[in-house]
Amino acid sequence: MKIIFEKQNKKEKQLTIADVEDNQFFVCSDGYLCQKANDCFYNTITDDNGLLSCESFDCNPDYEIKRILPRVTKIEF
């Protein structure tokens, strides 16, 4: 006998900038690599094509984002 279970498609919670820790990197809704300053302010680092972009934005704490990147502990250059 074979039993096959159907997976339920649970809708995951939409990420917002409030889910990101201060100074952590994330991808905004437009696909830019960004760094959070606080719940209402972030800076862009690159655009959606990976080209340098340095802009600062005010936002609401419920500003939706695409994803959060793993915590960076050190950048060597």
PDB file of N, CA and C in Angstrom:
ATOM      1  N   MET A   1       0.837  -1.161   0.000  1.00  0.00           N
ATOM      2  CA  MET A   1       0.000   0.000   0.000  1.00  0.00           C
ATOM      3  C   MET A   1       0.895   1.241   0.000  1.00  0.00           C
ATOM      4  N   LYS A   2       0.461   2.251  -0.710  1.00  0.00           N
ATOM      5  CA  LYS A   2       1.211   3.500  -0.799  1.00  0.00           C
ATOM      6  C   LYS A   2       0.283   4.638  -0.405  1.00  0.00           C
ATOM      7  N   ILE A   3       0.730   5.470   0.532  1.00  0.00           N
ATOM      8  CA  ILE A   3      -0.060   6.621   0.968  1.00  0.00           C
ATOM      9  C   ILE A   3       0.676   7.881   0.532  1.00  0.00           C
ATOM     10  N   ILE A   4      -0.011   8.733  -0.181  1.00  0.00           N
ATOM     11  CA  ILE A   4       0.572   9.990  -0.650  1.00  0.00           C
ATOM     12  C   ILE A   4      -0.193  11.141  -0.005  1.00  0.00           C
ATOM     13  N   PHE A   5       0.547  12.010   0.647  1.00  0.00           N
ATOM     14  CA  PHE A   5      -0.068  13.165   1.286  1.00  0.00           C
ATOM     15  C   PHE A   5       0.079  14.379   0.387  1.00  0.00           C
ATOM     16  N   GLU A   6      -0.972  15.166   0.307  1.00  0.00           N
ATOM     17  CA  GLU A   6      -0.898  16.420  -0.424  1.00  0.00           C
ATOM     18  C   GLU A   6      -0.396  17.488   0.524  1.00  0.00           C
ATOM     19  N   LYS A   7       0.518  18.289   0.032  1.00  0.00           N
ATOM     20  CA  LYS A   7       1.001  19.404   0.837  1.00  0.00           C
ATOM     21  C   LYS A   7       0.034  20.563   0.676  1.00  0.00           C
ATOM     22  N   GLN A   8      -0.278  21.163   1.786  1.00  0.00           N
ATOM     23  CA  GLN A   8      -1.112  22.347   1.717  1.00  0.00           C
ATOM     24  C   GLN A   8      -0.235  23.531   1.365  1.00  0.00           C
ATOM     25  N   ASN A   9      -0.719  24.365   0.489  1.00  0.00           N
ATOM     26  CA  ASN A   9       0.019  25.573   0.121  1.00  0.00           C
ATOM     27  C   ASN A   9      -0.306  26.661   1.135  1.00  0.00           C
ATOM     28  N   LYS A  10       0.530  26.720   2.159  1.00  0.00           N
ATOM     29  CA  LYS A  10       0.333  27.766   3.155  1.00  0.00           C
ATOM     30  C   LYS A  10       0.946  29.047   2.613  1.00  0.00           C
ATOM     31  N   LYS A  11       0.186  30.097   2.682  1.00  0.00           N
ATOM     32  CA  LYS A  11       0.714  31.380   2.248  1.00  0.00           C
ATOM     33  C   LYS A  11       1.613  31.915   3.349  1.00  0.00           C
ATOM     34  N   GLU A  12       2.868  32.136   3.018  1.00  0.00           N
ATOM     35  CA  GLU A  12       3.806  32.633   4.002  1.00  0.00           C
ATOM     36  C   GLU A  12       3.586  34.118   4.223  1.00  0.00           C
ATOM     37  N   LYS A  13       3.921  34.559   5.411  1.00  0.00           N
ATOM     38  CA  LYS A  13       3.798  35.966   5.771  1.00  0.00           C
ATOM     39  C   LYS A  13       4.693  36.811   4.860  1.00  0.00           C
ATOM     40  N   GLN A  14       4.160  37.898   4.376  1.00  0.00           N
ATOM     41  CA  GLN A  14       4.940  38.827   3.549  1.00  0.00           C
ATOM     42  C   GLN A  14       5.976  39.508   4.437  1.00  0.00           C
ATOM     43  N   LEU A  15       7.234  39.470   4.031  1.00  0.00           N
ATOM     44  CA  LEU A  15       8.292  40.129   4.785  1.00  0.00           C
ATOM     45  C   LEU A  15       8.163  41.643   4.669  1.00  0.00           C
ATOM     46  N   THR A  16       8.484  42.339   5.755  1.00  0.00           N
ATOM     47  CA  THR A  16       8.520  43.797   5.748  1.00  0.00           C
ATOM     48  C   THR A  16       9.857  44.248   6.313  1.00  0.00           C
ATOM     49  N   ILE A  17      10.141  45.519   6.189  1.00  0.00           N
ATOM     50  CA  ILE A  17      11.407  46.042   6.704  1.00  0.00           C
ATOM     51  C   ILE A  17      11.485  45.881   8.226  1.00  0.00           C
ATOM     52  N   ALA A  18      10.349  45.783   8.899  1.00  0.00           N
ATOM     53  CA  ALA A  18      10.340  45.569  10.348  1.00  0.00           C
ATOM     54  C   ALA A  18      10.916  44.198  10.717  1.00  0.00           C
ATOM     55  N   ASP A  19      10.921  43.239   9.772  1.00  0.00           N
ATOM     56  CA  ASP A  19      11.485  41.909  10.011  1.00  0.00           C
ATOM     57  C   ASP A  19      13.012  41.894   9.911  1.00  0.00           C
ATOM     58  N   VAL A  20      13.592  42.959   9.395  1.00  0.00           N
ATOM     59  CA  VAL A  20      15.040  43.060   9.178  1.00  0.00           C
ATOM     60  C   VAL A  20      15.669  43.747  10.382  1.00  0.00           C
ATOM     61  N   GLU A  21      16.803  43.230  10.843  1.00  0.00           N
ATOM     62  CA  GLU A  21      17.520  43.874  11.944  1.00  0.00           C
ATOM     63  C   GLU A  21      18.269  45.094  11.420  1.00  0.00           C
ATOM     64  N   ASP A  22      18.508  46.074  12.301  1.00  0.00           N
ATOM     65  CA  ASP A  22      19.282  47.246  11.907  1.00  0.00           C
ATOM     66  C   ASP A  22      20.647  46.820  11.382  1.00  0.00           C
ATOM     67  N   ASN A  23      21.105  47.471  10.336  1.00  0.00           N
ATOM     68  CA  ASN A  23      22.390  47.223   9.656  1.00  0.00           C
ATOM     69  C   ASN A  23      22.430  45.935   8.858  1.00  0.00           C
ATOM     70  N   GLN A  24      21.346  45.191   8.786  1.00  0.00           N
ATOM     71  CA  GLN A  24      21.313  43.947   8.020  1.00  0.00           C
ATOM     72  C   GLN A  24      20.948  44.246   6.565  1.00  0.00           C
ATOM     73  N   PHE A  25      21.426  43.394   5.665  1.00  0.00           N
ATOM     74  CA  PHE A  25      21.148  43.545   4.245  1.00  0.00           C
ATOM     75  C   PHE A  25      19.854  42.837   3.867  1.00  0.00           C
ATOM     76  N   PHE A  26      19.164  43.387   2.881  1.00  0.00           N
ATOM     77  CA  PHE A  26      17.922  42.795   2.392  1.00  0.00           C
ATOM     78  C   PHE A  26      17.712  43.213   0.942  1.00  0.00           C
ATOM     79  N   VAL A  27      16.774  42.564   0.271  1.00  0.00           N
ATOM     80  CA  VAL A  27      16.412  42.926  -1.099  1.00  0.00           C
ATOM     81  C   VAL A  27      15.037  43.579  -1.031  1.00  0.00           C
ATOM     82  N   CYS A  28      14.962  44.822  -1.511  1.00  0.00           N
ATOM     83  CA  CYS A  28      13.696  45.555  -1.447  1.00  0.00           C
ATOM     84  C   CYS A  28      12.731  45.056  -2.523  1.00  0.00           C
ATOM     85  N   SER A  29      11.542  45.594  -2.519  1.00  0.00           N
ATOM     86  CA  SER A  29      10.509  45.145  -3.453  1.00  0.00           C
ATOM     87  C   SER A  29      10.871  45.421  -4.913  1.00  0.00           C
ATOM     88  N   ASP A  30      11.784  46.364  -5.159  1.00  0.00           N
ATOM     89  CA  ASP A  30      12.234  46.658  -6.522  1.00  0.00           C
ATOM     90  C   ASP A  30      13.451  45.840  -6.940  1.00  0.00           C
ATOM     91  N   GLY A  31      13.959  44.983  -6.039  1.00  0.00           N
ATOM     92  CA  GLY A  31      15.091  44.121  -6.360  1.00  0.00           C
ATOM     93  C   GLY A  31      16.452  44.719  -6.059  1.00  0.00           C
ATOM     94  N   TYR A  32      16.498  45.845  -5.362  1.00  0.00           N
ATOM     95  CA  TYR A  32      17.773  46.479  -5.010  1.00  0.00           C
ATOM     96  C   TYR A  32      18.340  45.836  -3.744  1.00  0.00           C
ATOM     97  N   LEU A  33      19.672  45.704  -3.686  1.00  0.00           N
ATOM     98  CA  LEU A  33      20.340  45.282  -2.464  1.00  0.00           C
ATOM     99  C   LEU A  33      20.391  46.502  -1.551  1.00  0.00           C
ATOM    100  N   CYS A  34      19.917  46.349  -0.324  1.00  0.00           N
ATOM    101  CA  CYS A  34      19.803  47.478   0.596  1.00  0.00           C
ATOM    102  C   CYS A  34      20.352  47.113   1.961  1.00  0.00           C
ATOM    103  N   GLN A  35      20.593  48.148   2.761  1.00  0.00           N
ATOM    104  CA  GLN A  35      20.985  47.956   4.160  1.00  0.00           C
ATOM    105  C   GLN A  35      20.049  48.799   5.014  1.00  0.00           C
ATOM    106  N   LYS A  36      19.465  48.162   6.020  1.00  0.00           N
ATOM    107  CA  LYS A  36      18.515  48.844   6.897  1.00  0.00           C
ATOM    108  C   LYS A  36      19.245  49.713   7.909  1.00  0.00           C
ATOM    109  N   ALA A  37      18.766  50.934   8.095  1.00  0.00           N
ATOM    110  CA  ALA A  37      19.278  51.809   9.146  1.00  0.00           C
ATOM    111  C   ALA A  37      18.371  51.721  10.375  1.00  0.00           C
ATOM    112  N   ASN A  38      17.058  51.824  10.155  1.00  0.00           N
ATOM    113  CA  ASN A  38      16.068  51.636  11.214  1.00  0.00           C
ATOM    114  C   ASN A  38      14.744  51.273  10.555  1.00  0.00           C
ATOM    115  N   ASP A  39      13.673  51.159  11.326  1.00  0.00           N
ATOM    116  CA  ASP A  39      12.396  50.697  10.781  1.00  0.00           C
ATOM    117  C   ASP A  39      11.805  51.616   9.719  1.00  0.00           C
ATOM    118  N   CYS A  40      12.313  52.823   9.608  1.00  0.00           N
ATOM    119  CA  CYS A  40      11.741  53.781   8.659  1.00  0.00           C
ATOM    120  C   CYS A  40      12.772  54.362   7.697  1.00  0.00           C
ATOM    121  N   PHE A  41      13.959  53.737   7.606  1.00  0.00           N
ATOM    122  CA  PHE A  41      15.010  54.317   6.774  1.00  0.00           C
ATOM    123  C   PHE A  41      15.968  53.222   6.306  1.00  0.00           C
ATOM    124  N   TYR A  42      16.321  53.231   5.010  1.00  0.00           N
ATOM    125  CA  TYR A  42      17.302  52.284   4.481  1.00  0.00           C
ATOM    126  C   TYR A  42      18.099  52.917   3.352  1.00  0.00           C
ATOM    127  N   ASN A  43      19.240  52.326   3.052  1.00  0.00           N
ATOM    128  CA  ASN A  43      20.119  52.786   1.971  1.00  0.00           C
ATOM    129  C   ASN A  43      20.242  51.685   0.930  1.00  0.00           C
ATOM    130  N   THR A  44      20.269  52.079  -0.350  1.00  0.00           N
ATOM    131  CA  THR A  44      20.511  51.102  -1.405  1.00  0.00           C
ATOM    132  C   THR A  44      22.004  50.968  -1.612  1.00  0.00           C
ATOM    133  N   ILE A  45      22.423  49.787  -2.071  1.00  0.00           N
ATOM    134  CA  ILE A  45      23.830  49.512  -2.354  1.00  0.00           C
ATOM    135  C   ILE A  45      24.011  49.223  -3.836  1.00  0.00           C
ATOM    136  N   THR A  46      23.140  48.357  -4.378  1.00  0.00           N
ATOM    137  CA  THR A  46      23.156  48.079  -5.822  1.00  0.00           C
ATOM    138  C   THR A  46      21.724  48.061  -6.337  1.00  0.00           C
ATOM    139  N   ASP A  47      21.583  48.284  -7.645  1.00  0.00           N
ATOM    140  CA  ASP A  47      20.256  48.185  -8.247  1.00  0.00           C
ATOM    141  C   ASP A  47      19.959  46.733  -8.588  1.00  0.00           C
ATOM    142  N   ASP A  48      18.844  46.495  -9.253  1.00  0.00           N
ATOM    143  CA  ASP A  48      18.438  45.125  -9.554  1.00  0.00           C
ATOM    144  C   ASP A  48      19.324  44.442 -10.580  1.00  0.00           C
ATOM    145  N   ASN A  49      20.229  45.198 -11.224  1.00  0.00           N
ATOM    146  CA  ASN A  49      21.192  44.625 -12.167  1.00  0.00           C
ATOM    147  C   ASN A  49      22.575  44.466 -11.550  1.00  0.00           C
ATOM    148  N   GLY A  50      22.726  44.786 -10.264  1.00  0.00           N
ATOM    149  CA  GLY A  50      24.004  44.656  -9.586  1.00  0.00           C
ATOM    150  C   GLY A  50      24.919  45.858  -9.759  1.00  0.00           C
ATOM    151  N   LEU A  51      24.398  46.934 -10.359  1.00  0.00           N
ATOM    152  CA  LEU A  51      25.194  48.146 -10.537  1.00  0.00           C
ATOM    153  C   LEU A  51      25.095  49.011  -9.291  1.00  0.00           C
ATOM    154  N   LEU A  52      26.195  49.679  -8.944  1.00  0.00           N
ATOM    155  CA  LEU A  52      26.225  50.494  -7.737  1.00  0.00           C
ATOM    156  C   LEU A  52      25.088  51.504  -7.707  1.00  0.00           C
ATOM    157  N   SER A  53      24.491  51.641  -6.556  1.00  0.00           N
ATOM    158  CA  SER A  53      23.396  52.576  -6.343  1.00  0.00           C
ATOM    159  C   SER A  53      23.473  53.036  -4.903  1.00  0.00           C
ATOM    160  N   CYS A  54      23.546  54.322  -4.693  1.00  0.00           N
ATOM    161  CA  CYS A  54      23.656  54.835  -3.324  1.00  0.00           C
ATOM    162  C   CYS A  54      22.572  55.887  -3.127  1.00  0.00           C
ATOM    163  N   GLU A  55      21.444  55.429  -2.613  1.00  0.00           N
ATOM    164  CA  GLU A  55      20.332  56.328  -2.327  1.00  0.00           C
ATOM    165  C   GLU A  55      19.785  55.987  -0.949  1.00  0.00           C
ATOM    166  N   SER A  56      19.203  56.966  -0.300  1.00  0.00           N
ATOM    167  CA  SER A  56      18.579  56.762   1.002  1.00  0.00           C
ATOM    168  C   SER A  56      17.077  56.938   0.856  1.00  0.00           C
ATOM    169  N   PHE A  57      16.313  56.104   1.573  1.00  0.00           N
ATOM    170  CA  PHE A  57      14.862  56.138   1.464  1.00  0.00           C
ATOM    171  C   PHE A  57      14.202  56.118   2.837  1.00  0.00           C
ATOM    172  N   ASP A  58      13.159  56.915   2.974  1.00  0.00           N
ATOM    173  CA  ASP A  58      12.263  56.840   4.120  1.00  0.00           C
ATOM    174  C   ASP A  58      11.170  55.854   3.758  1.00  0.00           C
ATOM    175  N   CYS A  59      10.673  55.114   4.730  1.00  0.00           N
ATOM    176  CA  CYS A  59       9.599  54.159   4.458  1.00  0.00           C
ATOM    177  C   CYS A  59       8.788  53.923   5.720  1.00  0.00           C
ATOM    178  N   ASN A  60       7.685  53.238   5.565  1.00  0.00           N
ATOM    179  CA  ASN A  60       6.867  52.813   6.699  1.00  0.00           C
ATOM    180  C   ASN A  60       7.397  51.489   7.215  1.00  0.00           C
ATOM    181  N   PRO A  61       7.199  51.175   8.501  1.00  0.00           N
ATOM    182  CA  PRO A  61       7.650  49.883   9.025  1.00  0.00           C
ATOM    183  C   PRO A  61       7.009  48.687   8.320  1.00  0.00           C
ATOM    184  N   ASP A  62       5.888  48.888   7.633  1.00  0.00           N
ATOM    185  CA  ASP A  62       5.233  47.795   6.924  1.00  0.00           C
ATOM    186  C   ASP A  62       5.613  47.736   5.442  1.00  0.00           C
ATOM    187  N   TYR A  63       6.691  48.440   5.074  1.00  0.00           N
ATOM    188  CA  TYR A  63       7.197  48.416   3.697  1.00  0.00           C
ATOM    189  C   TYR A  63       7.585  46.980   3.338  1.00  0.00           C
ATOM    190  N   GLU A  64       6.984  46.427   2.294  1.00  0.00           N
ATOM    191  CA  GLU A  64       7.218  45.029   1.912  1.00  0.00           C
ATOM    192  C   GLU A  64       8.553  44.870   1.192  1.00  0.00           C
ATOM    193  N   ILE A  65       9.255  43.767   1.507  1.00  0.00           N
ATOM    194  CA  ILE A  65      10.544  43.466   0.889  1.00  0.00           C
ATOM    195  C   ILE A  65      10.495  42.059   0.302  1.00  0.00           C
ATOM    196  N   LYS A  66      11.488  41.747  -0.549  1.00  0.00           N
ATOM    197  CA  LYS A  66      11.525  40.419  -1.179  1.00  0.00           C
ATOM    198  C   LYS A  66      12.172  39.367  -0.286  1.00  0.00           C
ATOM    199  N   ARG A  67      13.340  39.708   0.299  1.00  0.00           N
ATOM    200  CA  ARG A  67      14.004  38.718   1.145  1.00  0.00           C
ATOM    201  C   ARG A  67      15.054  39.371   2.025  1.00  0.00           C
ATOM    202  N   ILE A  68      15.435  38.637   3.059  1.00  0.00           N
ATOM    203  CA  ILE A  68      16.466  39.081   3.994  1.00  0.00           C
ATOM    204  C   ILE A  68      17.705  38.245   3.746  1.00  0.00           C
ATOM    205  N   LEU A  69      18.861  38.880   3.633  1.00  0.00           N
ATOM    206  CA  LEU A  69      20.105  38.153   3.431  1.00  0.00           C
ATOM    207  C   LEU A  69      20.673  37.721   4.785  1.00  0.00           C
ATOM    208  N   PRO A  70      21.475  36.651   4.799  1.00  0.00           N
ATOM    209  CA  PRO A  70      22.094  36.212   6.063  1.00  0.00           C
ATOM    210  C   PRO A  70      22.946  37.332   6.652  1.00  0.00           C
ATOM    211  N   ARG A  71      23.056  37.330   7.972  1.00  0.00           N
ATOM    212  CA  ARG A  71      23.823  38.368   8.668  1.00  0.00           C
ATOM    213  C   ARG A  71      25.277  38.348   8.218  1.00  0.00           C
ATOM    214  N   VAL A  72      25.806  39.524   7.920  1.00  0.00           N
ATOM    215  CA  VAL A  72      27.209  39.689   7.547  1.00  0.00           C
ATOM    216  C   VAL A  72      27.950  40.129   8.794  1.00  0.00           C
ATOM    217  N   THR A  73      29.006  39.405   9.146  1.00  0.00           N
ATOM    218  CA  THR A  73      29.764  39.759  10.346  1.00  0.00           C
ATOM    219  C   THR A  73      30.974  40.620  10.047  1.00  0.00           C
ATOM    220  N   LYS A  74      31.508  40.496   8.821  1.00  0.00           N
ATOM    221  CA  LYS A  74      32.690  41.278   8.470  1.00  0.00           C
ATOM    222  C   LYS A  74      32.830  41.314   6.956  1.00  0.00           C
ATOM    223  N   ILE A  75      33.204  42.484   6.444  1.00  0.00           N
ATOM    224  CA  ILE A  75      33.481  42.621   5.011  1.00  0.00           C
ATOM    225  C   ILE A  75      34.944  42.993   4.870  1.00  0.00           C
ATOM    226  N   GLU A  76      35.700  42.158   4.204  1.00  0.00           N
ATOM    227  CA  GLU A  76      37.124  42.434   3.993  1.00  0.00           C
ATOM    228  C   GLU A  76      37.314  42.983   2.599  1.00  0.00           C
ATOM    229  N   PHE A  77      38.129  44.004   2.490  1.00  0.00           N
ATOM    230  CA  PHE A  77      38.428  44.589   1.171  1.00  0.00           C
ATOM    231  C   PHE A  77      39.846  45.069   1.117  1.00  0.00           C
TER     232      PHE A  77
END
